[in-house]
Protein backbone atom coordinates (compact mmCIF):
# COMPACT_ATOMS: atom_id res chain seq x y z
CA MET A 1 -0.07 -0.11 0.05
CA ASN A 2 1.46 3.45 -0.96
CA LYS A 3 2.17 6.42 1.49
CA GLN A 4 -0.89 8.28 0.10
CA VAL A 5 -3.36 5.69 0.77
CA LEU A 6 -1.76 4.83 4.13
CA LEU A 7 -2.07 8.46 5.30
CA ARG A 8 -5.61 8.69 4.20
CA ARG A 9 -6.61 5.83 6.05
CA ILE A 10 -4.87 7.13 9.26
CA CYS A 11 -6.81 10.29 8.71
CA GLN A 12 -10.02 8.56 8.61
CA ALA A 13 -9.17 6.61 11.46
CA THR A 14 -8.48 9.59 13.45
CA GLY A 15 -11.81 11.29 12.68
CA GLY A 16 -10.76 13.23 9.76
CA MET A 17 -7.96 14.99 11.35
CA LEU A 18 -4.12 15.19 10.66
CA LEU A 19 -1.73 15.19 13.31
CA VAL A 20 1.08 17.59 12.47
CA LEU A 21 4.25 18.13 14.63
CA GLY A 22 4.84 21.70 15.47
CA ALA A 23 8.31 22.95 15.01
CA SER A 24 9.26 22.79 18.69
CA ALA A 25 8.42 19.16 18.69
CA HIS A 26 10.70 18.46 15.79
CA ALA A 27 13.44 20.30 17.83
CA GLN A 28 12.76 17.94 20.63
CA VAL A 29 12.69 14.78 18.73
CA SER A 30 16.09 15.62 17.06
CA ALA A 31 17.77 16.47 20.42
CA LEU A 32 16.07 13.45 22.20
CA SER A 33 19.32 11.71 22.92
CA VAL A 34 20.72 14.76 24.38
CA SER A 35 18.07 15.92 26.90
CA PRO A 36 14.32 14.94 27.48
CA PRO A 37 11.66 17.35 26.04
CA THR A 38 10.41 19.88 28.30
CA ALA A 39 6.82 19.82 27.35
CA PRO A 40 4.48 16.69 27.00
CA PHE A 41 4.65 15.40 23.32
CA TRP A 42 0.85 15.76 22.76
CA ASP A 43 1.14 19.47 23.83
CA GLU A 44 3.08 19.85 20.66
CA LEU A 45 0.57 18.35 18.29
CA VAL A 46 -1.37 20.54 15.99
CA LEU A 47 -4.68 19.28 14.72
CA GLN A 48 -5.56 20.30 11.16
CA PRO A 49 -8.76 19.41 9.52
CA PHE A 50 -8.51 16.66 6.86
CA VAL A 51 -10.06 18.53 3.45
CA PRO A 52 -11.06 15.87 0.64
CA GLY A 53 -9.47 16.57 -2.47
CA ASP A 54 -10.41 15.47 -5.97
CA ILE A 55 -11.36 12.04 -6.83
CA TRP A 56 -8.71 11.78 -9.63
CA THR A 57 -5.94 12.32 -7.16
CA ARG A 58 -7.06 9.51 -4.99
CA MET A 59 -7.52 7.14 -7.89
CA ARG A 60 -3.88 7.97 -9.04
CA ASP A 61 -2.70 7.25 -5.71
CA ASN A 62 -4.00 3.63 -6.12
CA PHE A 63 -2.45 3.02 -9.73
CA GLN A 64 -0.10 -0.29 -9.61
CA TRP A 65 0.61 -0.73 -13.16
CA GLU A 66 2.74 2.22 -14.30
CA ASN A 67 5.47 -0.02 -15.58
CA ASP A 68 2.84 -2.11 -17.81
CA ALA A 69 1.26 1.13 -19.12
CA ARG A 70 4.54 1.61 -21.25
CA GLU A 71 3.85 -1.67 -23.25
CA ALA A 72 3.82 -0.75 -26.83
CA ARG A 73 0.29 -1.99 -27.24
CA VAL A 74 -0.78 0.73 -24.76
CA GLN A 75 0.76 3.49 -26.77
CA LYS A 76 -1.49 2.53 -29.67
CA TRP A 77 -4.67 3.13 -27.64
CA VAL A 78 -3.20 6.28 -26.22
CA ASP A 79 -2.77 7.74 -29.67
CA TYR A 80 -6.31 6.49 -30.37
CA TYR A 81 -7.89 8.41 -27.28
CA GLN A 82 -5.81 11.49 -27.88
CA ARG A 83 -7.91 11.84 -31.17
CA TYR A 84 -11.20 11.85 -29.16
CA PRO A 85 -10.30 13.53 -25.69
CA GLY A 86 -13.78 14.83 -25.46
CA ASN A 87 -15.31 11.30 -25.17
CA ILE A 88 -13.04 10.65 -22.08
CA THR A 89 -14.38 13.96 -20.54
CA THR A 90 -17.94 13.05 -21.29
CA ILE A 91 -17.69 9.65 -19.80
CA ALA A 92 -15.77 11.22 -16.71
CA GLU A 93 -18.75 13.42 -15.89
CA ARG A 94 -21.17 10.56 -16.26
CA ALA A 95 -18.99 8.76 -13.83
CA ARG A 96 -19.51 11.51 -11.13
CA PRO A 97 -22.14 9.95 -8.94
CA TRP A 98 -20.39 6.28 -8.99
CA LEU A 99 -16.46 6.94 -9.07
CA TYR A 100 -15.93 7.72 -5.01
CA TRP A 101 -17.83 4.57 -4.27
CA VAL A 102 -15.98 2.46 -6.71
CA VAL A 103 -12.51 3.86 -5.72
CA SER A 104 -13.45 3.19 -2.14
CA GLU A 105 -14.38 -0.23 -2.87
CA LEU A 106 -11.21 -1.01 -4.69
CA GLU A 107 -9.16 0.50 -1.95
CA ARG A 108 -11.12 -1.46 0.65
CA ARG A 109 -10.05 -4.60 -1.14
CA ASP A 110 -6.42 -3.36 -1.99
CA MET A 111 -7.11 -3.95 -5.60
CA PRO A 112 -5.51 -1.55 -8.43
CA GLY A 113 -7.04 1.92 -8.91
CA GLU A 114 -6.83 1.37 -12.45
CA ILE A 115 -9.94 -1.04 -12.49
CA ALA A 116 -12.13 1.97 -11.44
CA LEU A 117 -11.60 2.75 -15.14
CA LEU A 118 -12.88 -0.64 -16.52
CA PRO A 119 -16.48 0.74 -16.85
CA PHE A 120 -14.95 3.52 -19.26
CA ILE A 121 -14.53 0.55 -21.77
CA GLU A 122 -17.51 -1.61 -20.55
CA SER A 123 -20.12 0.72 -20.60
CA ALA A 124 -18.94 4.33 -20.74
CA TYR A 125 -20.05 4.37 -16.95
CA ASP A 126 -23.73 4.00 -17.83
CA PRO A 127 -25.58 1.88 -15.28
CA THR A 128 -28.52 1.09 -17.88
CA ALA A 129 -26.01 0.12 -20.82
CA ARG A 130 -27.45 -2.87 -22.72
CA HIS A 131 -25.67 -4.50 -25.62
CA ALA A 132 -27.39 -6.34 -28.26
CA GLY A 133 -25.89 -9.62 -27.21
CA GLY A 134 -27.26 -9.54 -23.75
CA ALA A 135 -24.53 -7.79 -21.75
CA THR A 136 -26.09 -5.48 -19.30
CA GLY A 137 -25.36 -2.65 -16.80
CA MET A 138 -22.23 -0.72 -15.84
CA TRP A 139 -20.14 -3.95 -15.93
CA GLN A 140 -21.71 -5.66 -18.78
CA PHE A 141 -22.70 -8.81 -17.17
CA MET A 142 -24.13 -11.52 -19.61
CA PRO A 143 -27.47 -13.26 -18.04
CA GLY A 144 -25.91 -16.46 -17.18
CA THR A 145 -22.72 -14.76 -15.64
CA GLY A 146 -25.13 -12.61 -13.52
CA ASP A 147 -27.24 -15.43 -12.51
CA ALA A 148 -24.06 -17.45 -11.33
CA LEU A 149 -22.86 -14.54 -9.48
CA GLY A 150 -26.11 -13.97 -7.69
CA LEU A 151 -27.19 -11.08 -9.32
CA ARG A 152 -31.09 -11.69 -9.09
CA ARG A 153 -33.18 -10.57 -12.18
CA ASP A 154 -37.01 -10.61 -12.78
CA ARG A 155 -40.00 -8.40 -14.03
CA ALA A 156 -39.28 -5.87 -11.10
CA TYR A 157 -35.63 -5.90 -10.61
CA ASP A 158 -32.38 -6.73 -12.31
CA GLY A 159 -29.25 -6.89 -10.10
CA ARG A 160 -26.92 -6.20 -13.25
CA LEU A 161 -28.22 -2.67 -13.35
CA ASP A 162 -27.94 -2.10 -9.51
CA VAL A 163 -24.83 -0.35 -9.27
CA ILE A 164 -23.84 -1.58 -5.62
CA ALA A 165 -24.84 -5.05 -6.38
CA SER A 166 -23.00 -5.20 -9.84
CA THR A 167 -19.79 -3.50 -8.70
CA LYS A 168 -19.72 -5.79 -5.74
CA ALA A 169 -20.19 -8.98 -8.17
CA ALA A 170 -17.49 -7.88 -10.79
CA LEU A 171 -14.84 -7.13 -8.20
CA ASP A 172 -15.57 -10.37 -6.49
CA TYR A 173 -15.50 -12.23 -9.82
CA ILE A 174 -12.25 -10.66 -10.84
CA GLN A 175 -10.66 -11.49 -7.50
CA GLN A 176 -11.78 -14.95 -7.24
CA GLN A 177 -10.66 -15.75 -10.98
CA ALA A 178 -7.16 -14.20 -9.91
CA ASP A 179 -6.80 -16.27 -6.76
CA GLN A 180 -8.17 -19.47 -8.46
CA TRP A 181 -6.05 -19.58 -11.58
CA TYR A 182 -3.73 -17.10 -11.85
CA ASP A 183 -1.62 -16.77 -8.59
CA GLY A 184 -3.27 -13.28 -7.81
CA ASP A 185 -2.32 -12.02 -11.26
CA ILE A 186 -5.37 -9.39 -11.96
CA GLU A 187 -4.29 -8.62 -15.35
CA LEU A 188 -4.79 -12.30 -16.32
CA SER A 189 -8.10 -12.31 -14.52
CA LEU A 190 -9.30 -9.06 -16.57
CA ALA A 191 -8.43 -11.05 -19.60
CA ALA A 192 -10.63 -13.91 -18.44
CA TYR A 193 -13.28 -11.36 -17.37
CA ASN A 194 -13.49 -10.34 -21.24
CA ALA A 195 -12.75 -13.69 -22.81
CA GLY A 196 -13.53 -16.43 -20.34
CA ALA A 197 -11.07 -18.32 -18.31
CA GLY A 198 -11.06 -21.43 -20.38
CA THR A 199 -9.86 -19.19 -23.42
CA VAL A 200 -7.15 -17.47 -21.15
CA ASN A 201 -5.93 -20.77 -19.60
CA ARG A 202 -5.43 -22.46 -23.04
CA ALA A 203 -3.55 -19.62 -24.34
CA ARG A 204 -1.32 -19.67 -21.23
CA ARG A 205 -0.80 -23.39 -21.54
CA LYS A 206 0.18 -22.58 -25.21
CA ALA A 207 2.61 -19.71 -24.28
CA VAL A 208 4.41 -21.65 -21.70
CA ALA A 209 4.81 -24.66 -23.91
CA ALA A 210 6.50 -22.29 -26.25
CA GLY A 211 8.88 -20.98 -23.69
CA ARG A 212 7.05 -17.63 -22.99
CA PRO A 213 6.26 -16.74 -19.39
CA GLY A 214 2.53 -16.96 -19.61
CA ASP A 215 1.83 -13.39 -18.23
CA TYR A 216 -0.99 -11.40 -20.17
CA TRP A 217 1.46 -9.73 -22.43
CA SER A 218 2.96 -13.01 -23.74
CA LEU A 219 -0.31 -14.72 -24.79
CA GLU A 220 -2.13 -14.69 -27.97
CA LEU A 221 -5.86 -14.12 -27.42
CA PRO A 222 -8.93 -13.09 -29.24
CA ARG A 223 -8.42 -9.40 -30.84
CA GLN A 224 -10.93 -7.95 -28.37
CA THR A 225 -9.05 -9.49 -25.25
CA MET A 226 -5.64 -8.51 -26.86
CA ASN A 227 -6.71 -4.83 -26.56
CA TYR A 228 -8.76 -5.09 -23.36
CA VAL A 229 -5.94 -4.35 -20.75
CA PRO A 230 -3.89 -2.03 -23.11
CA LYS A 231 -7.21 0.13 -23.35
CA LEU A 232 -7.56 0.31 -19.57
CA LEU A 233 -3.77 1.25 -19.34
CA ALA A 234 -3.96 3.79 -21.80
CA LEU A 235 -6.72 5.53 -20.08
CA SER A 236 -4.76 5.19 -16.77
CA ARG A 237 -1.59 6.87 -18.34
CA MET A 238 -3.88 9.72 -19.69
CA ILE A 239 -5.71 10.52 -16.43
CA ALA A 240 -2.36 10.06 -14.36
CA ASP A 241 -1.05 13.08 -16.57
CA PRO A 242 -4.10 14.81 -17.92
CA ASP A 243 -2.35 18.22 -18.86
CA ARG A 244 0.03 16.33 -20.99
CA TYR A 245 -2.73 14.54 -23.02
CA ASP A 246 -5.08 17.86 -23.19
CA ILE A 247 -7.78 16.02 -21.11
CA ALA A 248 -10.13 18.39 -19.33
CA LEU A 249 -11.27 16.06 -16.46
CA PRO A 250 -14.38 17.40 -14.33
CA SER A 251 -13.59 18.29 -10.82
CA ILE A 252 -15.20 15.45 -8.76
CA PRO A 253 -14.94 15.74 -5.11
CA ASP A 254 -13.23 12.96 -3.07
CA GLN A 255 -16.47 12.37 -1.24
CA PRO A 256 -19.75 10.30 -1.43
CA ALA A 257 -22.23 11.40 -4.05
CA PHE A 258 -24.93 9.00 -2.75
CA ALA A 259 -26.04 7.36 0.43
CA ARG A 260 -28.08 4.16 1.04
CA VAL A 261 -31.35 4.32 2.83
CA ILE A 262 -33.11 1.04 4.21
CA VAL A 263 -36.50 0.77 2.89
CA ASP A 264 -38.63 -1.82 4.15
CA ASP A 265 -41.76 -1.19 2.41
CA ARG A 266 -42.88 -1.01 -1.30
CA ILE A 267 -43.07 2.54 -2.26
CA ASP A 268 -43.18 4.25 -5.76
CA LEU A 269 -40.32 6.18 -6.32
CA SER A 270 -42.10 9.35 -7.29
CA GLN A 271 -43.51 9.29 -3.77
CA VAL A 272 -39.98 9.04 -2.29
CA ALA A 273 -38.81 11.90 -4.57
CA GLU A 274 -41.62 14.13 -3.61
CA MET A 275 -41.03 13.38 -0.05
CA ALA A 276 -37.06 14.28 -0.41
CA GLY A 277 -37.82 17.30 -2.62
CA ILE A 278 -35.95 15.86 -5.75
CA SER A 279 -36.95 14.99 -9.20
CA SER A 280 -38.12 11.45 -9.79
CA ALA A 281 -35.59 11.42 -12.59
CA ARG A 282 -32.63 11.66 -10.34
CA LEU A 283 -33.90 8.90 -7.96
CA GLU A 284 -34.72 6.81 -10.83
CA TYR A 285 -31.00 7.31 -12.25
CA LEU A 286 -29.54 6.50 -8.98
CA ASN A 287 -31.76 2.84 -8.83
CA PRO A 288 -31.80 1.56 -12.39
CA GLY A 289 -32.28 -1.98 -11.00
CA LEU A 290 -35.87 -1.15 -9.84
CA LEU A 291 -37.48 -1.78 -13.21
CA GLN A 292 -41.04 -0.89 -11.89
CA LYS A 293 -39.92 2.40 -10.31
CA THR A 294 -40.86 1.02 -7.00
CA THR A 295 -38.82 -0.01 -3.91
CA MET A 296 -38.49 -3.79 -3.59
CA PRO A 297 -37.17 -4.54 -0.10
CA SER A 298 -37.20 -8.25 -0.64
CA ARG A 299 -34.48 -7.70 -3.58
CA ALA A 300 -33.12 -4.56 -3.12
CA PRO A 301 -33.47 -3.42 0.81
CA GLU A 302 -31.23 -0.24 0.22
CA LEU A 303 -32.53 2.83 -1.82
CA LEU A 304 -29.63 5.10 -3.24
CA VAL A 305 -30.52 8.77 -2.61
CA PRO A 306 -28.32 12.07 -3.09
CA HIS A 307 -26.15 12.17 0.04
CA ARG A 308 -27.01 15.37 1.36
CA ILE A 309 -30.83 14.43 1.75
CA LYS A 310 -30.14 11.02 3.66
CA ASN A 311 -30.92 12.19 7.20
CA ALA A 312 -33.90 14.31 6.31
CA LEU A 313 -35.47 11.37 4.03
CA VAL A 314 -34.83 8.59 6.79
CA ALA A 315 -36.78 10.86 9.42
CA MET A 316 -39.48 11.36 6.91
CA LEU A 317 -39.95 7.77 6.10
CA ALA A 318 -39.91 6.61 9.60
CA LYS A 319 -42.87 9.37 10.16
CA SER A 320 -44.64 8.03 7.19
CA ARG A 321 -44.26 4.21 8.52
CA ALA A 322 -45.79 5.23 11.75
CA ILE A 323 -48.81 6.83 9.94
CA PHE A 324 -49.24 3.96 7.32
CA ALA A 325 -49.18 1.20 9.93
CA ARG A 326 -52.59 2.26 10.84
CA GLY A 327 -53.93 1.45 7.29
CA ASP A 328 -53.96 -1.25 4.48
CA ARG A 329 -51.60 -1.29 1.34
CA TYR A 330 -52.94 -1.77 -2.17
CA GLN A 331 -50.97 -2.12 -5.35
CA VAL A 332 -52.65 -0.10 -8.20
CA ARG A 333 -53.88 -2.18 -11.08
CA SER A 334 -54.91 -1.35 -14.66
CA GLY A 335 -58.30 0.54 -14.75
CA ASP A 336 -57.94 1.73 -11.08
CA SER A 337 -58.57 5.34 -10.12
CA LEU A 338 -58.70 7.32 -6.86
CA SER A 339 -62.30 7.66 -7.19
CA ILE A 340 -62.68 3.84 -7.66
CA LEU A 341 -60.48 3.07 -4.73
CA ALA A 342 -61.99 5.75 -2.53
CA ASN A 343 -65.55 4.21 -3.13
CA ARG A 344 -64.20 0.71 -2.60
CA TYR A 345 -62.63 1.57 0.79
CA ALA A 346 -65.31 3.99 1.82
CA VAL A 347 -62.91 6.85 2.30
CA SER A 348 -62.94 10.25 0.39
CA ILE A 349 -60.54 11.03 -2.56
CA ASP A 350 -59.11 14.11 -0.56
CA GLU A 351 -58.29 11.60 2.36
CA LEU A 352 -56.67 9.08 -0.22
CA ARG A 353 -54.43 12.07 -1.37
CA ARG A 354 -53.40 13.31 2.02
CA TYR A 355 -52.66 9.89 3.31
CA ASN A 356 -50.21 9.08 0.52
CA GLY A 357 -48.70 12.65 0.09
CA LEU A 358 -50.25 13.03 -3.57
CA ARG A 359 -50.45 16.47 -5.07
CA GLY A 360 -52.77 15.47 -7.85
CA THR A 361 -55.37 12.57 -8.58
CA THR A 362 -53.17 10.77 -11.12
CA ILE A 363 -51.96 7.25 -10.04
CA HIS A 364 -50.29 4.46 -12.15
CA VAL A 365 -50.17 0.84 -12.40
CA GLY A 366 -47.81 -0.77 -9.71
CA GLN A 367 -47.92 2.10 -7.50
CA ILE A 368 -48.40 1.31 -3.80
CA LEU A 369 -51.07 3.35 -2.07
CA ARG A 370 -51.82 3.21 1.61
CA ILE A 371 -55.63 2.78 2.42
CA PRO A 372 -56.60 5.11 5.50
CA PRO A 373 -58.40 3.08 8.14
CA ASN A 374 -62.22 3.65 8.10
CA ASN A 375 -62.89 2.95 11.83
CA ARG A 376 -66.92 2.48 11.64
CA ALA A 377 -66.69 0.20 8.43
CA ASN A 378 -63.42 -1.91 10.14
CA ALA A 379 -65.49 -2.12 13.45
CA ALA A 380 -68.71 -3.36 11.76
CA ARG A 381 -66.77 -5.76 9.40
CA GLN A 382 -64.78 -7.15 12.48
CA ALA A 383 -68.14 -7.80 14.43
CA SER A 384 -69.70 -9.51 11.55
CA GLN A 385 -66.61 -11.65 10.19
CA GLN A 386 -64.73 -14.56 11.47
CA ALA A 387 -61.32 -15.75 10.48
CA GLN A 388 -61.15 -18.98 8.69
CA ILE A 389 -58.15 -20.71 7.50
CA VAL A 390 -58.30 -22.38 4.06
CA GLN A 391 -55.71 -24.50 2.29
CA VAL A 392 -54.91 -24.08 -1.43
CA LYS A 393 -55.61 -26.82 -3.58
CA GLN A 394 -53.85 -27.92 -6.81
CA GLY A 395 -55.12 -25.72 -9.61
CA ASP A 396 -56.53 -23.20 -7.42
CA SER A 397 -56.25 -19.41 -8.11
CA LEU A 398 -57.12 -16.24 -6.12
CA ALA A 399 -60.39 -15.93 -8.22
CA ARG A 400 -61.23 -19.51 -7.53
CA ILE A 401 -60.75 -19.20 -3.78
CA ALA A 402 -62.57 -16.03 -3.56
CA ALA A 403 -65.77 -17.16 -5.59
CA ARG A 404 -65.68 -20.29 -3.44
CA HIS A 405 -65.81 -18.28 -0.32
CA ASP A 406 -67.85 -15.26 -1.45
CA VAL A 407 -65.23 -12.90 -0.84
CA SER A 408 -63.00 -10.65 -3.17
CA ALA A 409 -59.55 -11.60 -4.44
CA LEU A 410 -58.40 -8.24 -3.42
CA ASP A 411 -59.46 -8.81 0.17
CA ILE A 412 -57.55 -12.15 0.12
CA LEU A 413 -54.25 -10.25 -0.90
CA ARG A 414 -54.77 -7.69 1.78
CA TRP A 415 -55.80 -10.09 4.59
CA ASN A 416 -52.67 -12.31 3.73
CA LYS A 417 -50.27 -9.43 2.70
CA LEU A 418 -49.62 -10.96 -0.76
CA GLU A 419 -48.22 -9.25 -3.73
CA ALA A 420 -50.71 -9.31 -6.55
CA ASP A 421 -48.29 -11.19 -8.76
CA GLN A 422 -47.45 -13.80 -6.22
CA TYR A 423 -47.74 -17.42 -7.21
CA LEU A 424 -50.02 -19.79 -4.74
CA GLN A 425 -48.68 -23.07 -3.82
CA PRO A 426 -50.75 -26.22 -3.18
CA GLY A 427 -50.93 -26.64 0.51
CA GLN A 428 -50.26 -22.88 1.38
CA GLN A 429 -52.71 -21.69 4.10
CA LEU A 430 -54.77 -18.46 3.61
CA THR A 431 -56.62 -16.54 6.30
CA LEU A 432 -60.30 -15.40 5.03
CA TYR A 433 -62.62 -13.15 6.77
CA VAL A 434 -66.14 -14.48 6.26
CA GLN A 435 -69.68 -13.48 7.07
């Protein structure tokens, strides 16, 4: 670990303060063998606040492949990128929300800082990038690879688009391959990330048989993989000295751009955005894995929000949970409107709006609404209804069970806290309230 990284971690461990010896303390240390200091050591320490610098400086401090960046194949790509410096600037700006977190995660794992530039090549730092061949997300995972790494995907959520989940999976994958096949050689692991471990392992055996060392630079690989690491190192060379290569890097502070907030209810992102006072588009951009624009606690328990609003939003969510706990939840379906729901649950439209923090009367499919309790209706219903446990039979559906017991399918969902698209299993027990 280099001195800059070590110093930064010491600063973080001391609460963000640098300990600087005053001049008299230096004099005392140099004269220690002659006479003891006249003042306690700690009296001579000056506390100076640690001021975060630029994320590019921190990234450079973690570069580990400066020697390999001088390879001839790297120069070819330096020449190429120099013809299009604006492209690097554009991608660097797009990386603004993510770069601090990626660099921090690499630093935590003691991995080369150059890997923070891999999404430049893979996706141009676009978390929503989709390739025609199936590769998806900032790290461009194919469906099978994502599945193998535990990146869940369904109609409501795609872990390959989730920046937190996909970044951890990508770095795990690179580390695991390096340890399993290449004695910790991450350049070879990057080649395997691009071409597959089987391809790289065959190339290594062939190189060693021909008397070559078997490192990345001695292998004969598919053209794309031959250029993969050189592209990365060309970018690292240029970002290490942007003035030399006429690159205008945007100033990105060395501090978090987003924070993670635990959300244990399904809430429409537009409602969270309104609560937080930010645009829905911004919240959706930070959470591209939520395909239905609704929080999904069972898949992604953490919601990414701009760092500055975290504390206020946590307080508002806690207050909302306390209010919503007294009512029912309903997921909006095709054909629903506030007036239909107000009539169904015997509440007013204005009450529905206030209870859900809605400015207008527009709702959309998939949105989660809280239904205010109607005390008189609830009391009457509870007095006349009794709980009954029924068991799901083979071939049963909500509609069939509802018809058989003269209740509504919506009530069955509400009574059992089921999602509208949740499958019923034979033998599953449901609670019904019947007359």
